[in-house]
Amino acid sequence: MSITKEAELIAMKAASEAVACTLKEMRDYARPGITTRQLDHYGAKILRDFGAKSAPYLTYGFPGWTCISVNHEFCHGIPSDNKVLQEGDLINIDVSAELDGFWSDNGSSFVIGEDIHQHQKLIDASKQILHKAIYSIKGGVRISDLGYLIETEARKRGYKVIKNLTGHGIGRSLHEAPGEIANYSDRSNLTRFRKNSVVAIETFISTTSTYAKTLNDGWTMVGDKGGFMAQHEHTIVVTEAAPIILTEMNGVWD
């Protein structure tokens, strides 16, 4: 969507506060010994307290309120009573929701407990690249140039990007124009970021794979060549200068 009046910005900030606070509190609650279903229910209560509704459930009928992916799962992991978090697990939580007709989205990868499997370097790369990417965005910048920046920064650190997972426009629905915001330079995409538009910017930084494939459950995605992936995401408003980061309170960069 494009922000055309102050009331719309206020509404987007409210929806973004709901998803950002939910993500932050879920991160704080996550620990060894709990199931991903318990973690999901915890997040669902926080969303309800804000009056917000789960976006993946509303939009796709997803079998959970948030997406929780663990270790070799890249994204869209289904919360489960059978999946118990362990010390050192690499976990990704993606929280998106609707509040009063406005939608916002954010996500974060992190380690459960101690980093005994050395995932932190990958996580830090994803965070740092997201920061650099977001602060390169302003009205008129080509979406393909953002993708080039993300992929170049990943390669500098010895990583790859997932080419079929992307950021997207957001606001009045979960996915809107300008469509896919890829993590690589898609030269066929001549679209530019527009001032006052709302977009969800995501990094998908991988150790081995360049594509994600869907498992037989119809939701969970893993790497085509295995390995691990870290994702971080903010919903922002594009301006002529530094963007407005609507979900900054999720603490991803703290």
Protein backbone atom coordinates (compact mmCIF):
# COMPACT_ATOMS: atom_id res chain seq x y z
CA MET A 1 0.00 0.00 0.00
CA SER A 2 0.94 3.63 -0.22
CA ILE A 3 0.54 5.84 2.83
CA THR A 4 -1.67 8.76 1.80
CA LYS A 5 -2.78 10.15 5.15
CA GLU A 6 -1.72 10.25 8.77
CA ALA A 7 -4.49 7.87 9.89
CA GLU A 8 -3.04 5.13 7.67
CA LEU A 9 0.43 5.56 9.14
CA ILE A 10 -1.01 5.40 12.65
CA ALA A 11 -2.89 2.21 11.78
CA MET A 12 0.22 0.61 10.24
CA LYS A 13 2.20 1.51 13.36
CA ALA A 14 -0.44 -0.21 15.52
CA ALA A 15 -0.40 -3.40 13.45
CA SER A 16 3.39 -3.34 13.43
CA GLU A 17 3.56 -2.89 17.21
CA ALA A 18 1.40 -6.02 17.58
CA VAL A 19 3.65 -8.24 15.46
CA ALA A 20 6.90 -6.72 16.74
CA CYS A 21 6.01 -7.12 20.40
CA THR A 22 4.74 -10.65 19.79
CA LEU A 23 7.99 -11.63 18.07
CA LYS A 24 10.11 -10.07 20.83
CA GLU A 25 8.17 -11.79 23.61
CA MET A 26 8.25 -15.13 21.81
CA ARG A 27 12.01 -14.84 21.45
CA ASP A 28 12.30 -14.17 25.18
CA TYR A 29 9.98 -17.09 26.02
CA ALA A 30 11.70 -19.65 23.77
CA ARG A 31 13.93 -22.05 25.72
CA PRO A 32 15.05 -25.68 25.77
CA GLY A 33 12.33 -28.12 26.79
CA ILE A 34 9.24 -26.39 25.44
CA THR A 35 7.45 -27.44 22.27
CA THR A 36 6.98 -25.24 19.24
CA ARG A 37 3.21 -25.60 19.80
CA GLN A 38 3.60 -24.11 23.29
CA LEU A 39 5.63 -21.26 21.83
CA ASP A 40 3.01 -20.68 19.14
CA HIS A 41 0.16 -20.59 21.66
CA TYR A 42 2.14 -18.09 23.71
CA GLY A 43 2.46 -15.84 20.66
CA ALA A 44 -1.20 -16.29 19.77
CA LYS A 45 -2.26 -14.96 23.17
CA ILE A 46 -0.12 -11.85 22.72
CA LEU A 47 -1.64 -11.21 19.29
CA ARG A 48 -5.14 -11.62 20.76
CA ASP A 49 -4.30 -9.16 23.54
CA PHE A 50 -3.53 -6.59 20.83
CA GLY A 51 -6.76 -7.46 19.03
CA ALA A 52 -4.72 -8.75 16.08
CA LYS A 53 -5.38 -11.84 13.95
CA SER A 54 -2.80 -14.26 12.57
CA ALA A 55 -2.05 -13.41 8.93
CA PRO A 56 -1.00 -16.90 7.75
CA TYR A 57 -4.11 -18.39 9.32
CA LEU A 58 -6.42 -15.75 7.83
CA THR A 59 -4.81 -15.76 4.40
CA TYR A 60 -3.86 -19.37 3.82
CA GLY A 61 -5.48 -21.44 6.56
CA PHE A 62 -2.02 -22.18 7.98
CA PRO A 63 -2.18 -24.78 10.81
CA GLY A 64 -0.75 -22.45 13.45
CA TRP A 65 -0.78 -18.81 14.49
CA THR A 66 2.89 -18.14 13.73
CA CYS A 67 5.50 -19.89 11.60
CA ILE A 68 8.20 -21.60 13.68
CA SER A 69 11.05 -23.32 11.82
CA VAL A 70 13.83 -25.26 13.53
CA ASN A 71 17.34 -26.21 12.31
CA HIS A 72 17.17 -27.50 8.71
CA GLU A 73 13.67 -26.08 8.27
CA PHE A 74 13.99 -22.77 6.42
CA CYS A 75 10.50 -21.30 6.77
CA HIS A 76 6.76 -21.99 7.22
CA GLY A 77 7.44 -24.57 9.94
CA ILE A 78 4.23 -25.88 11.52
CA PRO A 79 4.04 -25.59 15.33
CA SER A 80 3.91 -29.08 16.83
CA ASP A 81 3.45 -30.84 20.16
CA ASN A 82 6.13 -33.29 19.00
CA LYS A 83 8.85 -30.74 18.31
CA VAL A 84 10.73 -29.98 21.53
CA LEU A 85 13.30 -27.19 21.45
CA GLN A 86 16.84 -28.25 22.32
CA GLU A 87 19.94 -26.37 23.47
CA GLY A 88 21.72 -24.89 20.46
CA ASP A 89 18.81 -25.20 18.02
CA LEU A 90 18.63 -22.63 15.21
CA ILE A 91 15.06 -21.34 15.27
CA ASN A 92 13.16 -18.90 13.10
CA ILE A 93 9.93 -17.23 14.17
CA ASP A 94 7.88 -15.31 11.62
CA VAL A 95 4.97 -13.27 12.96
CA SER A 96 2.51 -11.51 10.68
CA ALA A 97 -0.95 -10.25 11.56
CA GLU A 98 -3.95 -8.11 10.64
CA LEU A 99 -5.28 -5.38 12.92
CA ASP A 100 -8.24 -3.20 11.94
CA GLY A 101 -7.71 -3.84 8.24
CA PHE A 102 -3.94 -3.25 8.24
CA TRP A 103 -1.27 -5.93 7.97
CA SER A 104 2.34 -6.13 9.14
CA ASP A 105 5.07 -8.77 9.09
CA ASN A 106 8.40 -9.47 10.82
CA GLY A 107 10.73 -12.36 11.55
CA SER A 108 13.94 -13.35 13.30
CA SER A 109 16.35 -16.27 13.52
CA PHE A 110 18.21 -16.97 16.76
CA VAL A 111 19.79 -19.75 18.84
CA ILE A 112 18.03 -21.51 21.69
CA GLY A 113 20.27 -21.29 24.76
CA GLU A 114 23.99 -21.67 24.12
CA ASP A 115 25.36 -21.56 20.57
CA ILE A 116 26.89 -25.05 20.76
CA HIS A 117 26.52 -25.62 17.00
CA GLN A 118 28.04 -22.28 15.92
CA HIS A 119 25.03 -20.75 14.18
CA GLN A 120 25.60 -17.21 15.46
CA LYS A 121 27.87 -16.15 12.58
CA LEU A 122 25.12 -16.95 10.08
CA ILE A 123 22.53 -15.15 12.21
CA ASP A 124 24.72 -12.06 12.54
CA ALA A 125 25.27 -11.99 8.77
CA SER A 126 21.52 -12.00 8.18
CA LYS A 127 20.96 -9.19 10.69
CA GLN A 128 23.78 -7.04 9.35
CA ILE A 129 22.75 -7.50 5.73
CA LEU A 130 19.15 -6.61 6.54
CA HIS A 131 20.32 -3.42 8.23
CA LYS A 132 22.48 -2.41 5.28
CA ALA A 133 19.74 -3.31 2.81
CA ILE A 134 16.99 -1.37 4.57
CA TYR A 135 19.09 1.76 4.92
CA SER A 136 19.86 1.67 1.19
CA ILE A 137 16.16 1.96 0.34
CA LYS A 138 14.50 5.21 -0.66
CA GLY A 139 12.07 6.31 -3.33
CA GLY A 140 13.49 5.64 -6.80
CA VAL A 141 15.89 2.82 -5.88
CA ARG A 142 15.53 -0.24 -8.09
CA ILE A 143 14.34 -3.40 -6.37
CA SER A 144 16.92 -5.36 -8.38
CA ASP A 145 19.69 -3.14 -6.98
CA LEU A 146 18.59 -4.06 -3.45
CA GLY A 147 18.77 -7.73 -4.42
CA TYR A 148 22.26 -7.22 -5.81
CA LEU A 149 23.36 -5.62 -2.52
CA ILE A 150 21.95 -8.47 -0.43
CA GLU A 151 23.52 -11.21 -2.55
CA THR A 152 26.87 -9.41 -2.75
CA GLU A 153 27.00 -8.94 1.02
CA ALA A 154 26.12 -12.61 1.54
CA ARG A 155 28.89 -13.75 -0.79
CA LYS A 156 31.42 -11.53 0.98
CA ARG A 157 30.67 -13.46 4.16
CA GLY A 158 30.83 -16.87 2.46
CA TYR A 159 27.08 -17.42 2.24
CA LYS A 160 24.38 -17.81 -0.40
CA VAL A 161 20.86 -16.40 -0.74
CA ILE A 162 17.60 -18.25 -1.30
CA LYS A 163 16.27 -17.13 -4.66
CA ASN A 164 12.66 -18.27 -4.38
CA LEU A 165 11.93 -16.67 -1.00
CA THR A 166 11.37 -12.94 -1.13
CA GLY A 167 10.20 -9.81 0.61
CA HIS A 168 6.95 -8.20 -0.55
CA GLY A 169 4.62 -5.26 -0.46
CA ILE A 170 2.19 -5.20 2.47
CA GLY A 171 -0.42 -3.00 4.12
CA ARG A 172 -4.04 -3.69 3.18
CA SER A 173 -3.25 -7.39 2.74
CA LEU A 174 -0.33 -9.69 3.51
CA HIS A 175 1.17 -9.63 0.01
CA GLU A 176 0.78 -6.62 -2.30
CA ALA A 177 2.55 -4.61 -4.97
CA PRO A 178 5.40 -4.24 -5.76
CA GLY A 179 5.31 -8.03 -5.60
CA GLU A 180 8.46 -10.00 -4.98
CA ILE A 181 11.47 -8.23 -3.47
CA ALA A 182 14.20 -10.75 -4.20
CA ASN A 183 17.52 -11.34 -2.42
CA TYR A 184 19.41 -11.32 -5.71
CA SER A 185 19.64 -9.08 -8.77
CA ASP A 186 16.71 -9.96 -11.00
CA ARG A 187 17.58 -7.87 -14.06
CA SER A 188 14.13 -8.42 -15.55
CA ASN A 189 12.59 -6.53 -12.63
CA LEU A 190 12.65 -2.84 -13.54
CA THR A 191 10.39 -1.80 -10.65
CA ARG A 192 11.58 0.93 -8.30
CA PHE A 193 10.66 1.54 -4.69
CA ARG A 194 8.05 4.28 -4.43
CA LYS A 195 7.99 6.96 -1.75
CA ASN A 196 5.35 6.30 0.95
CA SER A 197 4.95 2.63 -0.02
CA VAL A 198 4.92 -0.05 2.69
CA VAL A 199 7.13 -3.10 2.15
CA ALA A 200 8.38 -6.09 4.13
CA ILE A 201 12.12 -6.52 3.57
CA GLU A 202 13.55 -9.98 4.32
CA THR A 203 16.99 -11.55 4.18
CA PHE A 204 17.28 -15.28 3.44
CA ILE A 205 20.96 -16.09 4.06
CA SER A 206 22.02 -19.70 3.55
CA THR A 207 25.05 -21.88 4.20
CA THR A 208 24.56 -24.26 1.27
CA SER A 209 21.27 -24.00 -0.62
CA THR A 210 20.03 -21.44 -3.15
CA TYR A 211 16.43 -22.65 -3.43
CA ALA A 212 13.83 -23.77 -0.91
CA LYS A 213 11.52 -26.71 -1.51
CA THR A 214 8.28 -27.68 0.22
CA LEU A 215 8.03 -30.88 2.25
CA ASN A 216 5.16 -33.34 2.06
CA ASP A 217 3.25 -31.52 4.81
CA GLY A 218 2.52 -28.85 2.19
CA TRP A 219 3.99 -26.01 4.26
CA THR A 220 7.48 -26.52 5.67
CA MET A 221 10.32 -25.49 3.36
CA VAL A 222 13.91 -26.76 3.46
CA GLY A 223 17.00 -26.14 1.35
CA ASP A 224 17.41 -27.89 -2.00
CA LYS A 225 20.98 -28.75 -0.94
CA GLY A 226 20.43 -28.87 2.80
CA GLY A 227 22.30 -26.68 5.24
CA PHE A 228 20.94 -23.88 7.40
CA MET A 229 19.31 -20.53 6.76
CA ALA A 230 18.83 -17.36 8.80
CA GLN A 231 16.01 -14.92 8.09
CA HIS A 232 15.32 -11.46 9.48
CA GLU A 233 12.50 -9.17 8.43
CA HIS A 234 11.14 -5.69 9.05
CA THR A 235 8.10 -3.88 7.71
CA ILE A 236 9.06 -0.36 6.60
CA VAL A 237 7.70 2.77 4.96
CA VAL A 238 9.82 4.03 2.06
CA THR A 239 10.67 7.73 2.15
CA GLU A 240 13.00 10.07 0.25
CA ALA A 241 15.59 9.56 2.99
CA ALA A 242 15.94 6.94 5.74
CA PRO A 243 12.93 4.59 5.85
CA ILE A 244 10.49 4.40 8.74
CA ILE A 245 11.04 0.98 10.33
CA LEU A 246 7.60 0.12 11.67
CA THR A 247 8.65 -3.10 13.43
CA GLU A 248 11.91 -1.83 14.93
CA MET A 249 10.68 -2.51 18.48
CA ASN A 250 11.08 -6.26 17.86
CA GLY A 251 14.68 -5.82 19.01
CA VAL A 252 16.26 -7.74 16.13
CA TRP A 253 19.16 -5.28 16.01
CA ASP A 254 19.57 -4.89 19.80
